[in-house]
């Protein structure tokens, strides 16, 4: 049908009509070299670019939305994994090997067993204590799991999990990067002056708060029976946390004394009533005695019983310190600033108050101890006149 148009050198196009039969018309072809309508071309290019940009933007929004959803899902999964690690869980021995990377990073070793650094998930690091071969009735293992599993306090080490797989026993606790207080107060470790007296005072307050919580803040009173520098761990800010509850004993708050079948604790920190009932009954105040010995070691930077000293009168540091303070003599403890003297004297006096009573009944309790360390003597409820400082 377009043959006639082409024969005439014209262009054929379909004619718009309502007829059911196709109709055509002939139109003139554009002359060669006719000017291009750049405005129309530019409009078409801009429209095309806008459509392309809109498509890319829509694709990006969809991709970004899906990516955020994936990231949120991953964050929730990580949170749930970390939150699960906050609750004491039971692990098999194969899990322990995986957590410690086959016991690659050893932190320490003692009579109780060996401690390794481990990793649960993401940035949750833990200390895994592999107990020695299971012997006896497992009382120490039961004590640690039973007591630490219910404790939630900033100054008490948190139990993350445990392993009881056949004869294999392990405890998984929060990891504290600065190890124990022992390595920072004794000159044998070379860090005798690294903490400073203000930090030592803060550490003493933290330990006292932890003891007060164990004695008063839990549903049942927890007697630790092994308060010593080795069992005081320090976090990244050197905040103290009480650890190692293998010798702990639980009793009701109404129970003033407890019965023990054998001496508990470490020599040098054991309260006298543990060795002889002539000094009174065994109670939660036994922890106060141990804390007093710990305070004196913090002050002196040495063990309370040191048989290596040349002068035998200095072998028992607590007695030597008491005599010097009683006679108002200079104790020559490491002092760098004027305020250090006040802190050292305060900690010394409190430490002596904790250990010098002839009867355990006369000894301060955990709450009174905390008030002493904080300096809130009015809250103790009893008036004590200190011969050395003249303060109540």
Protein backbone atom coordinates (compact mmCIF):
# COMPACT_ATOMS: atom_id res chain seq x y z
CA UNK A 1 0.00 0.00 0.00
CA UNK A 2 3.00 2.26 0.57
CA UNK A 3 4.35 1.50 -2.89
CA UNK A 4 2.66 4.55 -4.45
CA UNK A 5 4.13 6.89 -1.77
CA UNK A 6 7.63 5.53 -2.20
CA UNK A 7 7.32 5.84 -5.99
CA UNK A 8 6.56 9.52 -5.55
CA UNK A 9 9.60 9.94 -3.26
CA UNK A 10 7.46 10.45 -0.23
CA UNK A 11 7.14 8.80 3.14
CA UNK A 12 4.29 6.50 4.00
CA UNK A 13 2.51 6.54 7.33
CA UNK A 14 -0.72 5.10 8.65
CA UNK A 15 -3.62 7.43 8.70
CA UNK A 16 -5.61 7.79 11.87
CA UNK A 17 -9.24 6.89 11.27
CA UNK A 18 -12.08 4.90 12.76
CA UNK A 19 -12.23 2.63 9.74
CA UNK A 20 -11.61 -1.05 10.22
CA UNK A 21 -9.56 -1.11 7.04
CA UNK A 22 -6.00 0.29 7.24
CA UNK A 23 -5.57 3.62 5.48
CA UNK A 24 -2.30 5.35 4.62
CA UNK A 25 -1.18 8.79 3.60
CA UNK A 26 1.91 10.12 1.90
CA UNK A 27 3.97 12.83 3.56
CA UNK A 28 7.08 14.65 2.46
CA UNK A 29 10.42 13.31 3.65
CA UNK A 30 12.55 15.77 5.72
CA UNK A 31 15.11 17.48 3.56
CA UNK A 32 18.72 16.40 3.96
CA UNK A 33 20.73 18.74 6.16
CA UNK A 34 17.65 19.98 8.01
CA UNK A 35 18.51 21.56 11.39
CA UNK A 36 18.38 19.23 14.47
CA UNK A 37 16.10 20.20 17.32
CA UNK A 38 18.74 20.20 20.07
CA UNK A 39 16.24 21.38 22.64
CA UNK A 40 14.16 18.30 22.13
CA UNK A 41 17.22 16.07 22.15
CA UNK A 42 18.44 17.67 25.40
CA UNK A 43 15.02 17.21 26.96
CA UNK A 44 15.05 13.55 26.00
CA UNK A 45 18.59 13.11 27.44
CA UNK A 46 17.64 14.82 30.70
CA UNK A 47 14.48 12.73 31.00
CA UNK A 48 16.49 9.59 30.34
CA UNK A 49 19.10 10.55 32.93
CA UNK A 50 16.39 11.31 35.48
CA UNK A 51 14.76 7.95 34.88
CA UNK A 52 18.14 6.21 35.19
CA UNK A 53 18.99 8.11 38.42
CA UNK A 54 15.60 7.34 39.89
CA UNK A 55 16.07 3.67 39.11
CA UNK A 56 19.55 3.62 40.68
CA UNK A 57 18.24 5.47 43.75
CA UNK A 58 15.40 2.99 44.19
CA UNK A 59 17.84 0.08 43.87
CA UNK A 60 20.16 1.72 46.45
CA UNK A 61 17.29 2.29 48.92
CA UNK A 62 16.21 -1.32 48.60
CA UNK A 63 19.81 -2.53 49.02
CA UNK A 64 20.43 -0.20 51.97
CA UNK A 65 17.23 -1.29 53.67
CA UNK A 66 18.13 -4.96 53.26
CA UNK A 67 21.66 -4.29 54.51
CA UNK A 68 20.38 -2.50 57.63
CA UNK A 69 18.00 -5.35 58.28
CA UNK A 70 20.87 -7.82 57.98
CA UNK A 71 23.05 -5.71 60.29
CA UNK A 72 20.25 -5.40 62.84
CA UNK A 73 19.72 -9.14 62.71
CA UNK A 74 23.44 -9.76 63.23
CA UNK A 75 23.54 -7.26 66.13
CA UNK A 76 20.59 -8.97 67.78
CA UNK A 77 22.22 -12.36 67.34
CA UNK A 78 25.46 -11.04 68.84
CA UNK A 79 23.58 -9.49 71.73
CA UNK A 80 21.75 -12.73 72.42
CA UNK A 81 25.05 -14.63 72.35
CA UNK A 82 26.67 -12.14 74.74
CA UNK A 83 23.58 -12.06 76.96
CA UNK A 84 23.64 -15.82 77.13
CA UNK A 85 27.24 -15.55 78.32
CA UNK A 86 26.11 -13.35 81.22
CA UNK A 87 24.14 -16.21 82.77
CA UNK A 88 25.97 -19.19 84.30
CA UNK A 89 25.69 -22.07 81.86
CA UNK A 90 26.90 -25.63 81.87
CA UNK A 91 29.51 -26.59 79.29
CA UNK A 92 31.00 -29.91 78.27
CA UNK A 93 34.76 -30.43 78.26
CA UNK A 94 34.87 -30.17 74.47
CA UNK A 95 33.38 -26.67 74.78
CA UNK A 96 36.08 -25.77 77.32
CA UNK A 97 38.80 -26.81 74.88
CA UNK A 98 37.18 -24.70 72.16
CA UNK A 99 36.77 -21.67 74.44
CA UNK A 100 40.43 -21.78 75.50
CA UNK A 101 41.70 -22.61 71.99
CA UNK A 102 43.05 -25.92 73.32
CA UNK A 103 44.44 -24.23 76.46
CA UNK A 104 46.74 -21.96 74.47
CA UNK A 105 46.94 -18.90 76.78
CA UNK A 106 47.90 -19.85 80.34
CA UNK A 107 47.30 -17.17 82.98
CA UNK A 108 48.45 -18.90 86.16
CA UNK A 109 48.71 -22.06 88.18
CA UNK A 110 48.23 -22.98 91.82
CA UNK A 111 47.23 -25.73 94.17
CA UNK A 112 43.60 -25.46 93.03
CA UNK A 113 44.38 -25.93 89.34
CA UNK A 114 45.34 -23.95 86.26
CA UNK A 115 43.75 -20.81 84.80
CA UNK A 116 43.56 -20.14 81.05
CA UNK A 117 42.31 -17.17 79.06
CA UNK A 118 39.36 -17.93 76.84
CA UNK A 119 36.81 -16.33 74.55
CA UNK A 120 33.09 -17.04 74.46
CA UNK A 121 31.72 -14.80 71.71
CA UNK A 122 32.63 -11.49 70.11
CA UNK A 123 34.48 -9.50 72.76
CA UNK A 124 33.47 -11.60 75.78
CA UNK A 125 36.73 -12.84 77.28
CA UNK A 126 36.77 -15.21 80.22
CA UNK A 127 39.15 -16.88 82.65
CA UNK A 128 38.76 -20.64 82.69
CA UNK A 129 39.93 -22.37 85.86
CA UNK A 130 40.60 -26.07 85.28
CA UNK A 131 40.37 -27.70 88.68
CA UNK A 132 42.73 -30.47 89.66
CA UNK A 133 41.61 -34.06 89.25
CA UNK A 134 38.28 -34.53 90.93
CA UNK A 135 38.76 -35.90 94.43
CA UNK A 136 36.62 -36.30 97.54
CA UNK A 137 33.02 -35.12 97.53
CA UNK A 138 33.63 -32.03 95.38
CA UNK A 139 32.67 -29.58 98.11
CA UNK A 140 34.88 -26.77 96.80
CA UNK A 141 33.44 -27.05 93.29
CA UNK A 142 29.89 -27.10 94.64
CA UNK A 143 30.60 -24.08 96.86
CA UNK A 144 31.93 -21.99 93.98
CA UNK A 145 29.06 -22.78 91.60
CA UNK A 146 26.38 -22.44 94.27
CA UNK A 147 27.62 -19.13 95.70
CA UNK A 148 29.06 -17.35 92.66
CA UNK A 149 26.10 -18.28 90.48
CA UNK A 150 23.78 -16.12 92.59
CA UNK A 151 26.11 -13.17 93.20
CA UNK A 152 25.74 -9.93 91.26
CA UNK A 153 27.94 -7.15 92.62
CA UNK A 154 30.50 -4.83 91.08
CA UNK A 155 33.13 -5.94 93.62
CA UNK A 156 32.60 -9.69 93.26
CA UNK A 157 33.84 -11.77 90.33
CA UNK A 158 30.96 -13.04 88.18
CA UNK A 159 30.61 -16.71 87.31
CA UNK A 160 29.87 -17.13 83.59
CA UNK A 161 29.62 -20.91 83.46
CA UNK A 162 30.98 -24.21 84.67
CA UNK A 163 31.91 -27.66 83.45
CA UNK A 164 31.10 -30.94 85.17
CA UNK A 165 31.92 -33.54 82.53
CA UNK A 166 32.84 -36.89 84.07
CA UNK A 167 35.81 -36.23 86.33
CA UNK A 168 36.60 -32.94 84.57
CA UNK A 169 35.75 -29.82 86.57
CA UNK A 170 36.12 -26.21 85.38
CA UNK A 171 34.86 -22.76 86.28
CA UNK A 172 34.38 -20.02 83.70
CA UNK A 173 34.58 -16.52 85.20
CA UNK A 174 34.78 -13.01 83.82
CA UNK A 175 38.26 -12.07 82.65
CA UNK A 176 40.04 -9.32 84.58
CA UNK A 177 43.09 -7.99 82.72
CA UNK A 178 45.12 -6.67 85.68
CA UNK A 179 45.45 -9.97 87.51
CA UNK A 180 45.48 -10.00 91.32
CA UNK A 181 46.22 -7.36 93.94
CA UNK A 182 49.09 -9.52 95.14
CA UNK A 183 51.20 -8.57 92.14
CA UNK A 184 50.83 -4.85 92.85
CA UNK A 185 51.50 -4.59 96.58
CA UNK A 186 54.43 -6.90 97.18
CA UNK A 187 57.90 -5.73 96.21
CA UNK A 188 58.81 -9.23 95.04
CA UNK A 189 56.69 -8.60 91.95
CA UNK A 190 58.40 -5.29 91.17
CA UNK A 191 55.19 -3.20 91.19
CA UNK A 192 55.35 -1.90 94.73
CA UNK A 193 54.62 1.74 93.93
CA UNK A 194 52.61 1.51 90.75
CA UNK A 195 49.15 1.93 92.27
CA UNK A 196 49.56 4.94 94.54
CA UNK A 197 47.90 5.55 97.89
CA UNK A 198 44.70 7.06 96.51
CA UNK A 199 44.14 3.99 94.35
CA UNK A 200 45.00 1.70 97.28
CA UNK A 201 42.38 3.54 99.33
CA UNK A 202 39.81 3.06 96.54
CA UNK A 203 40.68 -0.62 96.35
CA UNK A 204 40.22 -0.97 100.12
CA UNK A 205 36.79 0.64 99.83
CA UNK A 206 35.82 -1.69 96.99
CA UNK A 207 36.86 -4.80 98.92
CA UNK A 208 34.96 -3.58 101.99
CA UNK A 209 31.85 -3.05 99.85
CA UNK A 210 32.19 -6.56 98.47
CA UNK A 211 32.50 -8.08 101.96
CA UNK A 212 29.54 -6.03 103.20
CA UNK A 213 27.48 -7.32 100.26
CA UNK A 214 28.42 -10.95 100.96
CA UNK A 215 27.49 -10.56 104.62
CA UNK A 216 24.38 -8.38 104.29
CA UNK A 217 23.27 -8.00 100.67
CA UNK A 218 22.54 -11.61 99.67
CA UNK A 219 19.54 -13.73 100.54
CA UNK A 220 21.87 -15.92 102.58
CA UNK A 221 25.01 -14.69 104.31
CA UNK A 222 28.14 -15.82 102.48
CA UNK A 223 31.32 -16.38 104.49
CA UNK A 224 34.31 -16.32 102.18
CA UNK A 225 36.99 -17.63 104.59
CA UNK A 226 39.88 -16.87 102.22
CA UNK A 227 40.18 -13.09 101.85
CA UNK A 228 43.75 -12.37 100.75
CA UNK A 229 45.55 -10.32 98.04
CA UNK A 230 45.77 -13.30 95.69
CA UNK A 231 41.97 -13.61 95.66
CA UNK A 232 41.37 -9.91 94.93
CA UNK A 233 41.33 -9.44 91.16
CA UNK A 234 41.56 -6.06 89.40
CA UNK A 235 39.67 -4.99 86.27
CA UNK A 236 40.94 -2.61 83.58
CA UNK A 237 40.30 0.38 85.91
CA UNK A 238 41.88 -1.41 88.90
CA UNK A 239 38.50 -1.86 90.57
CA UNK A 240 38.75 -4.83 92.97
CA UNK A 241 36.63 -7.98 92.73
CA UNK A 242 36.58 -10.76 95.31
CA UNK A 243 37.16 -14.20 93.78
CA UNK A 244 37.68 -17.86 94.67
CA UNK A 245 34.73 -19.08 96.74
CA UNK A 246 35.97 -22.65 97.10
CA UNK A 247 36.08 -22.39 100.91
CA UNK A 248 32.90 -20.33 101.24
CA UNK A 249 30.05 -21.28 103.53
CA UNK A 250 26.42 -20.13 103.45
CA UNK A 251 24.30 -19.45 106.49
CA UNK A 252 21.16 -17.50 107.37
CA UNK A 253 21.45 -13.86 108.39
CA UNK A 254 19.92 -14.68 111.77
CA UNK A 255 22.71 -17.18 112.45
CA UNK A 256 25.45 -15.42 114.44
CA UNK A 257 27.92 -18.33 114.45
CA UNK A 258 28.69 -21.26 112.17
CA UNK A 259 30.19 -24.66 112.73
CA UNK A 260 33.19 -25.76 110.69
CA UNK A 261 34.69 -29.22 110.74
CA UNK A 262 38.18 -28.10 109.71
CA UNK A 263 40.27 -24.95 109.55
CA UNK A 264 39.55 -22.93 106.42
CA UNK A 265 41.73 -20.30 104.83
CA UNK A 266 45.37 -19.47 104.20
CA UNK A 267 47.97 -19.22 106.96
CA UNK A 268 48.63 -15.59 107.79
CA UNK A 269 45.03 -14.60 107.11
CA UNK A 270 43.13 -17.14 109.23
CA UNK A 271 41.22 -15.62 112.13
CA UNK A 272 42.38 -16.90 115.58
CA UNK A 273 38.95 -18.33 116.44
CA UNK A 274 39.42 -20.77 113.53
CA UNK A 275 42.40 -22.24 115.35
CA UNK A 276 41.09 -22.04 118.91
CA UNK A 277 37.58 -21.46 120.25
CA UNK A 278 39.18 -19.59 123.17
CA UNK A 279 39.11 -16.55 120.85
CA UNK A 280 35.36 -16.85 120.29
CA UNK A 281 33.05 -18.54 117.83
CA UNK A 282 33.58 -18.76 114.09
CA UNK A 283 31.35 -16.29 112.27
CA UNK A 284 31.27 -13.90 109.33
CA UNK A 285 33.61 -11.68 111.37
CA UNK A 286 36.39 -14.10 110.44
CA UNK A 287 36.40 -12.40 107.02
CA UNK A 288 36.92 -9.06 108.76
CA UNK A 289 40.09 -10.39 110.40
CA UNK A 290 41.41 -11.55 107.03
CA UNK A 291 40.59 -8.13 105.54
CA UNK A 292 42.55 -6.47 108.34
CA UNK A 293 45.61 -8.55 107.52
CA UNK A 294 45.15 -7.69 103.84
CA UNK A 295 45.00 -3.97 104.66
CA UNK A 296 48.25 -4.14 106.62
CA UNK A 297 49.96 -5.87 103.70
CA UNK A 298 48.71 -3.13 101.38
CA UNK A 299 50.20 -0.54 103.71
CA UNK A 300 53.53 -2.28 104.28
CA UNK A 301 54.01 -3.62 100.76
CA UNK A 302 55.14 -6.94 102.26
CA UNK A 303 53.82 -10.14 103.77
CA UNK A 304 52.67 -9.80 107.38
CA UNK A 305 54.92 -12.70 108.29
CA UNK A 306 58.35 -12.28 106.67
CA UNK A 307 61.08 -14.51 108.06
CA UNK A 308 63.63 -13.13 105.59
CA UNK A 309 64.09 -9.79 107.38
CA UNK A 310 67.31 -9.27 109.29
CA UNK A 311 65.68 -7.80 112.40
CA UNK A 312 63.49 -10.41 114.07
CA UNK A 313 61.33 -7.62 115.56
CA UNK A 314 60.19 -6.78 112.03
CA UNK A 315 59.24 -10.36 111.12
CA UNK A 316 55.63 -9.82 112.25
CA UNK A 317 54.71 -6.60 110.50
CA UNK A 318 51.38 -6.10 112.27
CA UNK A 319 53.04 -6.21 115.70
CA UNK A 320 55.87 -3.95 114.53
CA UNK A 321 53.39 -1.45 113.07
CA UNK A 322 51.25 -1.50 116.22
CA UNK A 323 54.25 -0.74 118.45
CA UNK A 324 55.39 2.13 116.25
CA UNK A 325 51.96 3.73 116.15
CA UNK A 326 51.43 3.15 119.86
CA UNK A 327 54.71 4.89 120.65
CA UNK A 328 54.04 7.60 118.03
CA UNK A 329 57.13 6.60 116.09
CA UNK A 330 57.66 7.14 112.39
CA UNK A 331 56.79 3.93 110.53
CA UNK A 332 58.89 4.87 107.44
CA UNK A 333 56.35 3.46 105.02
CA UNK A 334 56.82 4.51 101.38
CA UNK A 335 55.38 8.03 101.31
CA UNK A 336 55.67 10.39 98.34
CA UNK A 337 53.06 13.08 99.08
CA UNK A 338 51.74 14.66 102.24
CA UNK A 339 48.25 13.23 101.75
CA UNK A 340 49.78 9.73 101.51
CA UNK A 341 50.61 9.85 105.21
CA UNK A 342 46.97 10.35 106.16
CA UNK A 343 45.79 7.47 103.95
CA UNK A 344 48.53 5.11 105.16
CA UNK A 345 47.76 5.91 108.80
CA UNK A 346 44.04 5.46 108.28
CA UNK A 347 44.42 2.07 106.58
CA UNK A 348 46.92 0.98 109.24
CA UNK A 349 44.59 1.84 112.11
CA UNK A 350 41.59 0.18 110.47
CA UNK A 351 43.66 -2.93 109.76
CA UNK A 352 44.76 -3.11 113.38
CA UNK A 353 41.17 -2.59 114.58
CA UNK A 354 40.18 -5.63 112.53
CA UNK A 355 42.80 -7.97 114.02
CA UNK A 356 43.63 -6.82 117.55
CA UNK A 357 40.44 -7.83 119.40
CA UNK A 358 40.93 -10.72 121.82
CA UNK A 359 37.47 -12.09 121.03
CA UNK A 360 35.72 -12.43 117.71
CA UNK A 361 32.55 -11.00 119.28
CA UNK A 362 34.35 -7.68 119.81
CA UNK A 363 35.40 -7.45 116.18
CA UNK A 364 33.53 -5.11 113.82
CA UNK A 365 31.12 -6.58 111.29
CA UNK A 366 31.09 -6.02 107.54
CA UNK A 367 28.85 -2.95 107.64
CA UNK A 368 30.89 -1.30 110.39
CA UNK A 369 34.04 -2.14 108.47
CA UNK A 370 32.74 -0.38 105.36
CA UNK A 371 31.83 2.67 107.44
CA UNK A 372 35.34 2.74 108.87
CA UNK A 373 37.01 2.60 105.46
CA UNK A 374 34.66 5.25 104.08
CA UNK A 375 35.34 7.42 107.12
CA UNK A 376 31.69 7.53 108.22
CA UNK A 377 32.40 6.68 111.84
CA UNK A 378 29.08 8.11 113.11
CA UNK A 379 27.24 5.33 111.29
CA UNK A 380 28.98 2.60 113.29
CA UNK A 381 26.70 3.04 116.27
CA UNK A 382 29.48 2.81 118.85
CA UNK A 383 32.01 5.39 120.03
CA UNK A 384 35.62 4.31 119.78
CA UNK A 385 38.39 6.69 120.73
CA UNK A 386 41.52 5.99 118.77
CA UNK A 387 44.67 6.62 120.84
CA UNK A 388 46.66 7.46 117.74
CA UNK A 389 44.45 9.92 115.89
CA UNK A 390 42.05 11.14 118.56
CA UNK A 391 39.04 10.54 116.33
CA UNK A 392 35.92 8.56 117.08
